[in-house]
Amino acid sequence: MKEDFKLNRIALFLSLINESKTELVVDLSKEDLCDEPNDYPLQAQKLNGVRPVLSVNGTSSESCE
Protein backbone atom coordinates (compact mmCIF):
# COMPACT_ATOMS: atom_id res chain seq x y z
CA MET A 1 0.00 0.00 0.00
CA LYS A 2 1.10 3.63 0.41
CA GLU A 3 2.89 5.01 -2.66
CA ASP A 4 2.27 1.79 -4.62
CA PHE A 5 -1.50 2.18 -4.13
CA LYS A 6 -3.00 3.44 -7.39
CA LEU A 7 -6.78 3.49 -7.77
CA ASN A 8 -6.45 3.78 -11.56
CA ARG A 9 -4.43 0.55 -11.66
CA ILE A 10 -7.00 -1.25 -9.50
CA ALA A 11 -9.82 0.07 -11.72
CA LEU A 12 -8.03 -1.29 -14.81
CA PHE A 13 -7.65 -4.73 -13.25
CA LEU A 14 -11.29 -4.68 -12.15
CA SER A 15 -12.51 -3.88 -15.65
CA LEU A 16 -10.44 -6.73 -17.10
CA ILE A 17 -11.75 -9.16 -14.50
CA ASN A 18 -15.35 -8.01 -15.02
CA GLU A 19 -15.07 -8.76 -18.74
CA SER A 20 -13.87 -12.30 -18.01
CA LYS A 21 -16.84 -13.06 -15.69
CA THR A 22 -14.59 -14.56 -12.99
CA GLU A 23 -14.74 -14.26 -9.21
CA LEU A 24 -12.52 -11.62 -7.68
CA VAL A 25 -11.05 -10.76 -4.30
CA VAL A 26 -8.90 -7.64 -3.90
CA ASP A 27 -5.97 -8.32 -1.56
CA LEU A 28 -4.01 -5.30 -0.31
CA SER A 29 -0.71 -6.06 1.39
CA LYS A 30 1.78 -4.12 3.52
CA GLU A 31 -0.88 -2.81 5.89
CA ASP A 32 1.84 -2.55 8.54
CA LEU A 33 3.58 0.23 6.55
CA CYS A 34 0.57 2.58 6.54
CA ASP A 35 -0.40 5.30 8.97
CA GLU A 36 -4.10 4.89 8.14
CA PRO A 37 -4.44 1.30 6.85
CA ASN A 38 -8.26 1.37 6.83
CA ASP A 39 -8.40 4.11 4.19
CA TYR A 40 -7.01 1.96 1.38
CA PRO A 41 -9.52 -0.90 1.57
CA LEU A 42 -12.37 1.62 1.72
CA GLN A 43 -11.14 3.32 -1.46
CA ALA A 44 -10.78 -0.02 -3.23
CA GLN A 45 -14.23 -1.10 -2.01
CA LYS A 46 -15.81 1.93 -3.70
CA LEU A 47 -14.36 0.78 -7.03
CA ASN A 48 -14.99 -2.86 -6.36
CA GLY A 49 -18.63 -2.77 -5.30
CA VAL A 50 -19.72 -5.82 -3.34
CA ARG A 51 -16.64 -7.97 -3.89
CA PRO A 52 -14.36 -8.67 -0.91
CA VAL A 53 -11.40 -6.40 -0.22
CA LEU A 54 -8.82 -7.90 2.13
CA SER A 55 -5.98 -6.05 3.82
CA VAL A 56 -2.96 -7.97 5.13
CA ASN A 57 -0.39 -6.99 7.73
CA GLY A 58 2.68 -9.13 7.00
CA THR A 59 3.98 -8.75 10.54
CA SER A 60 0.86 -10.21 12.16
CA SER A 61 -0.29 -13.81 11.71
CA GLU A 62 -3.78 -12.75 12.87
CA SER A 63 -4.40 -10.66 9.73
CA CYS A 64 -3.79 -13.74 7.56
CA GLU A 65 -6.49 -15.90 9.17
C-alpha atoms as a PDB file:
ATOM      1  CA  MET A   1       0.000   0.000   0.000  1.00  0.00           C
ATOM      2  CA  LYS A   2       1.105   3.625   0.409  1.00  0.00           C
ATOM      3  CA  GLU A   3       2.894   5.015  -2.665  1.00  0.00           C
ATOM      4  CA  ASP A   4       2.267   1.789  -4.623  1.00  0.00           C
ATOM      5  CA  PHE A   5      -1.500   2.181  -4.132  1.00  0.00           C
ATOM      6  CA  LYS A   6      -3.001   3.439  -7.392  1.00  0.00           C
ATOM      7  CA  LEU A   7      -6.784   3.490  -7.771  1.00  0.00           C
ATOM      8  CA  ASN A   8      -6.448   3.779 -11.561  1.00  0.00           C
ATOM      9  CA  ARG A   9      -4.427   0.546 -11.661  1.00  0.00           C
ATOM     10  CA  ILE A  10      -7.000  -1.250  -9.503  1.00  0.00           C
ATOM     11  CA  ALA A  11      -9.823   0.071 -11.723  1.00  0.00           C
ATOM     12  CA  LEU A  12      -8.029  -1.285 -14.814  1.00  0.00           C
ATOM     13  CA  PHE A  13      -7.645  -4.731 -13.253  1.00  0.00           C
ATOM     14  CA  LEU A  14     -11.292  -4.680 -12.149  1.00  0.00           C
ATOM     15  CA  SER A  15     -12.511  -3.877 -15.652  1.00  0.00           C
ATOM     16  CA  LEU A  16     -10.443  -6.730 -17.102  1.00  0.00           C
ATOM     17  CA  ILE A  17     -11.748  -9.156 -14.503  1.00  0.00           C
ATOM     18  CA  ASN A  18     -15.353  -8.006 -15.020  1.00  0.00           C
ATOM     19  CA  GLU A  19     -15.073  -8.764 -18.737  1.00  0.00           C
ATOM     20  CA  SER A  20     -13.873 -12.296 -18.014  1.00  0.00           C
ATOM     21  CA  LYS A  21     -16.835 -13.065 -15.695  1.00  0.00           C
ATOM     22  CA  THR A  22     -14.587 -14.561 -12.992  1.00  0.00           C
ATOM     23  CA  GLU A  23     -14.739 -14.261  -9.212  1.00  0.00           C
ATOM     24  CA  LEU A  24     -12.517 -11.623  -7.681  1.00  0.00           C
ATOM     25  CA  VAL A  25     -11.053 -10.759  -4.295  1.00  0.00           C
ATOM     26  CA  VAL A  26      -8.896  -7.641  -3.899  1.00  0.00           C
ATOM     27  CA  ASP A  27      -5.974  -8.317  -1.555  1.00  0.00           C
ATOM     28  CA  LEU A  28      -4.009  -5.298  -0.312  1.00  0.00           C
ATOM     29  CA  SER A  29      -0.710  -6.057   1.394  1.00  0.00           C
ATOM     30  CA  LYS A  30       1.777  -4.117   3.517  1.00  0.00           C
ATOM     31  CA  GLU A  31      -0.881  -2.810   5.889  1.00  0.00           C
ATOM     32  CA  ASP A  32       1.842  -2.550   8.540  1.00  0.00           C
ATOM     33  CA  LEU A  33       3.579   0.235   6.546  1.00  0.00           C
ATOM     34  CA  CYS A  34       0.567   2.581   6.540  1.00  0.00           C
ATOM     35  CA  ASP A  35      -0.402   5.304   8.966  1.00  0.00           C
ATOM     36  CA  GLU A  36      -4.102   4.892   8.137  1.00  0.00           C
ATOM     37  CA  PRO A  37      -4.440   1.301   6.854  1.00  0.00           C
ATOM     38  CA  ASN A  38      -8.257   1.366   6.833  1.00  0.00           C
ATOM     39  CA  ASP A  39      -8.397   4.113   4.189  1.00  0.00           C
ATOM     40  CA  TYR A  40      -7.013   1.962   1.378  1.00  0.00           C
ATOM     41  CA  PRO A  41      -9.523  -0.898   1.569  1.00  0.00           C
ATOM     42  CA  LEU A  42     -12.373   1.623   1.719  1.00  0.00           C
ATOM     43  CA  GLN A  43     -11.141   3.318  -1.458  1.00  0.00           C
ATOM     44  CA  ALA A  44     -10.784  -0.020  -3.229  1.00  0.00           C
ATOM     45  CA  GLN A  45     -14.232  -1.104  -2.009  1.00  0.00           C
ATOM     46  CA  LYS A  46     -15.806   1.935  -3.701  1.00  0.00           C
ATOM     47  CA  LEU A  47     -14.359   0.782  -7.026  1.00  0.00           C
ATOM     48  CA  ASN A  48     -14.992  -2.862  -6.362  1.00  0.00           C
ATOM     49  CA  GLY A  49     -18.633  -2.765  -5.296  1.00  0.00           C
ATOM     50  CA  VAL A  50     -19.724  -5.822  -3.345  1.00  0.00           C
ATOM     51  CA  ARG A  51     -16.639  -7.967  -3.890  1.00  0.00           C
ATOM     52  CA  PRO A  52     -14.360  -8.665  -0.911  1.00  0.00           C
ATOM     53  CA  VAL A  53     -11.398  -6.396  -0.221  1.00  0.00           C
ATOM     54  CA  LEU A  54      -8.815  -7.904   2.130  1.00  0.00           C
ATOM     55  CA  SER A  55      -5.985  -6.051   3.825  1.00  0.00           C
ATOM     56  CA  VAL A  56      -2.964  -7.971   5.129  1.00  0.00           C
ATOM     57  CA  ASN A  57      -0.394  -6.993   7.730  1.00  0.00           C
ATOM     58  CA  GLY A  58       2.677  -9.126   7.002  1.00  0.00           C
ATOM     59  CA  THR A  59       3.984  -8.749  10.544  1.00  0.00           C
ATOM     60  CA  SER A  60       0.861 -10.211  12.158  1.00  0.00           C
ATOM     61  CA  SER A  61      -0.286 -13.805  11.715  1.00  0.00           C
ATOM     62  CA  GLU A  62      -3.777 -12.745  12.873  1.00  0.00           C
ATOM     63  CA  SER A  63      -4.398 -10.660   9.730  1.00  0.00           C
ATOM     64  CA  CYS A  64      -3.793 -13.740   7.557  1.00  0.00           C
ATOM     65  CA  GLU A  65      -6.494 -15.900   9.166  1.00  0.00           C
END
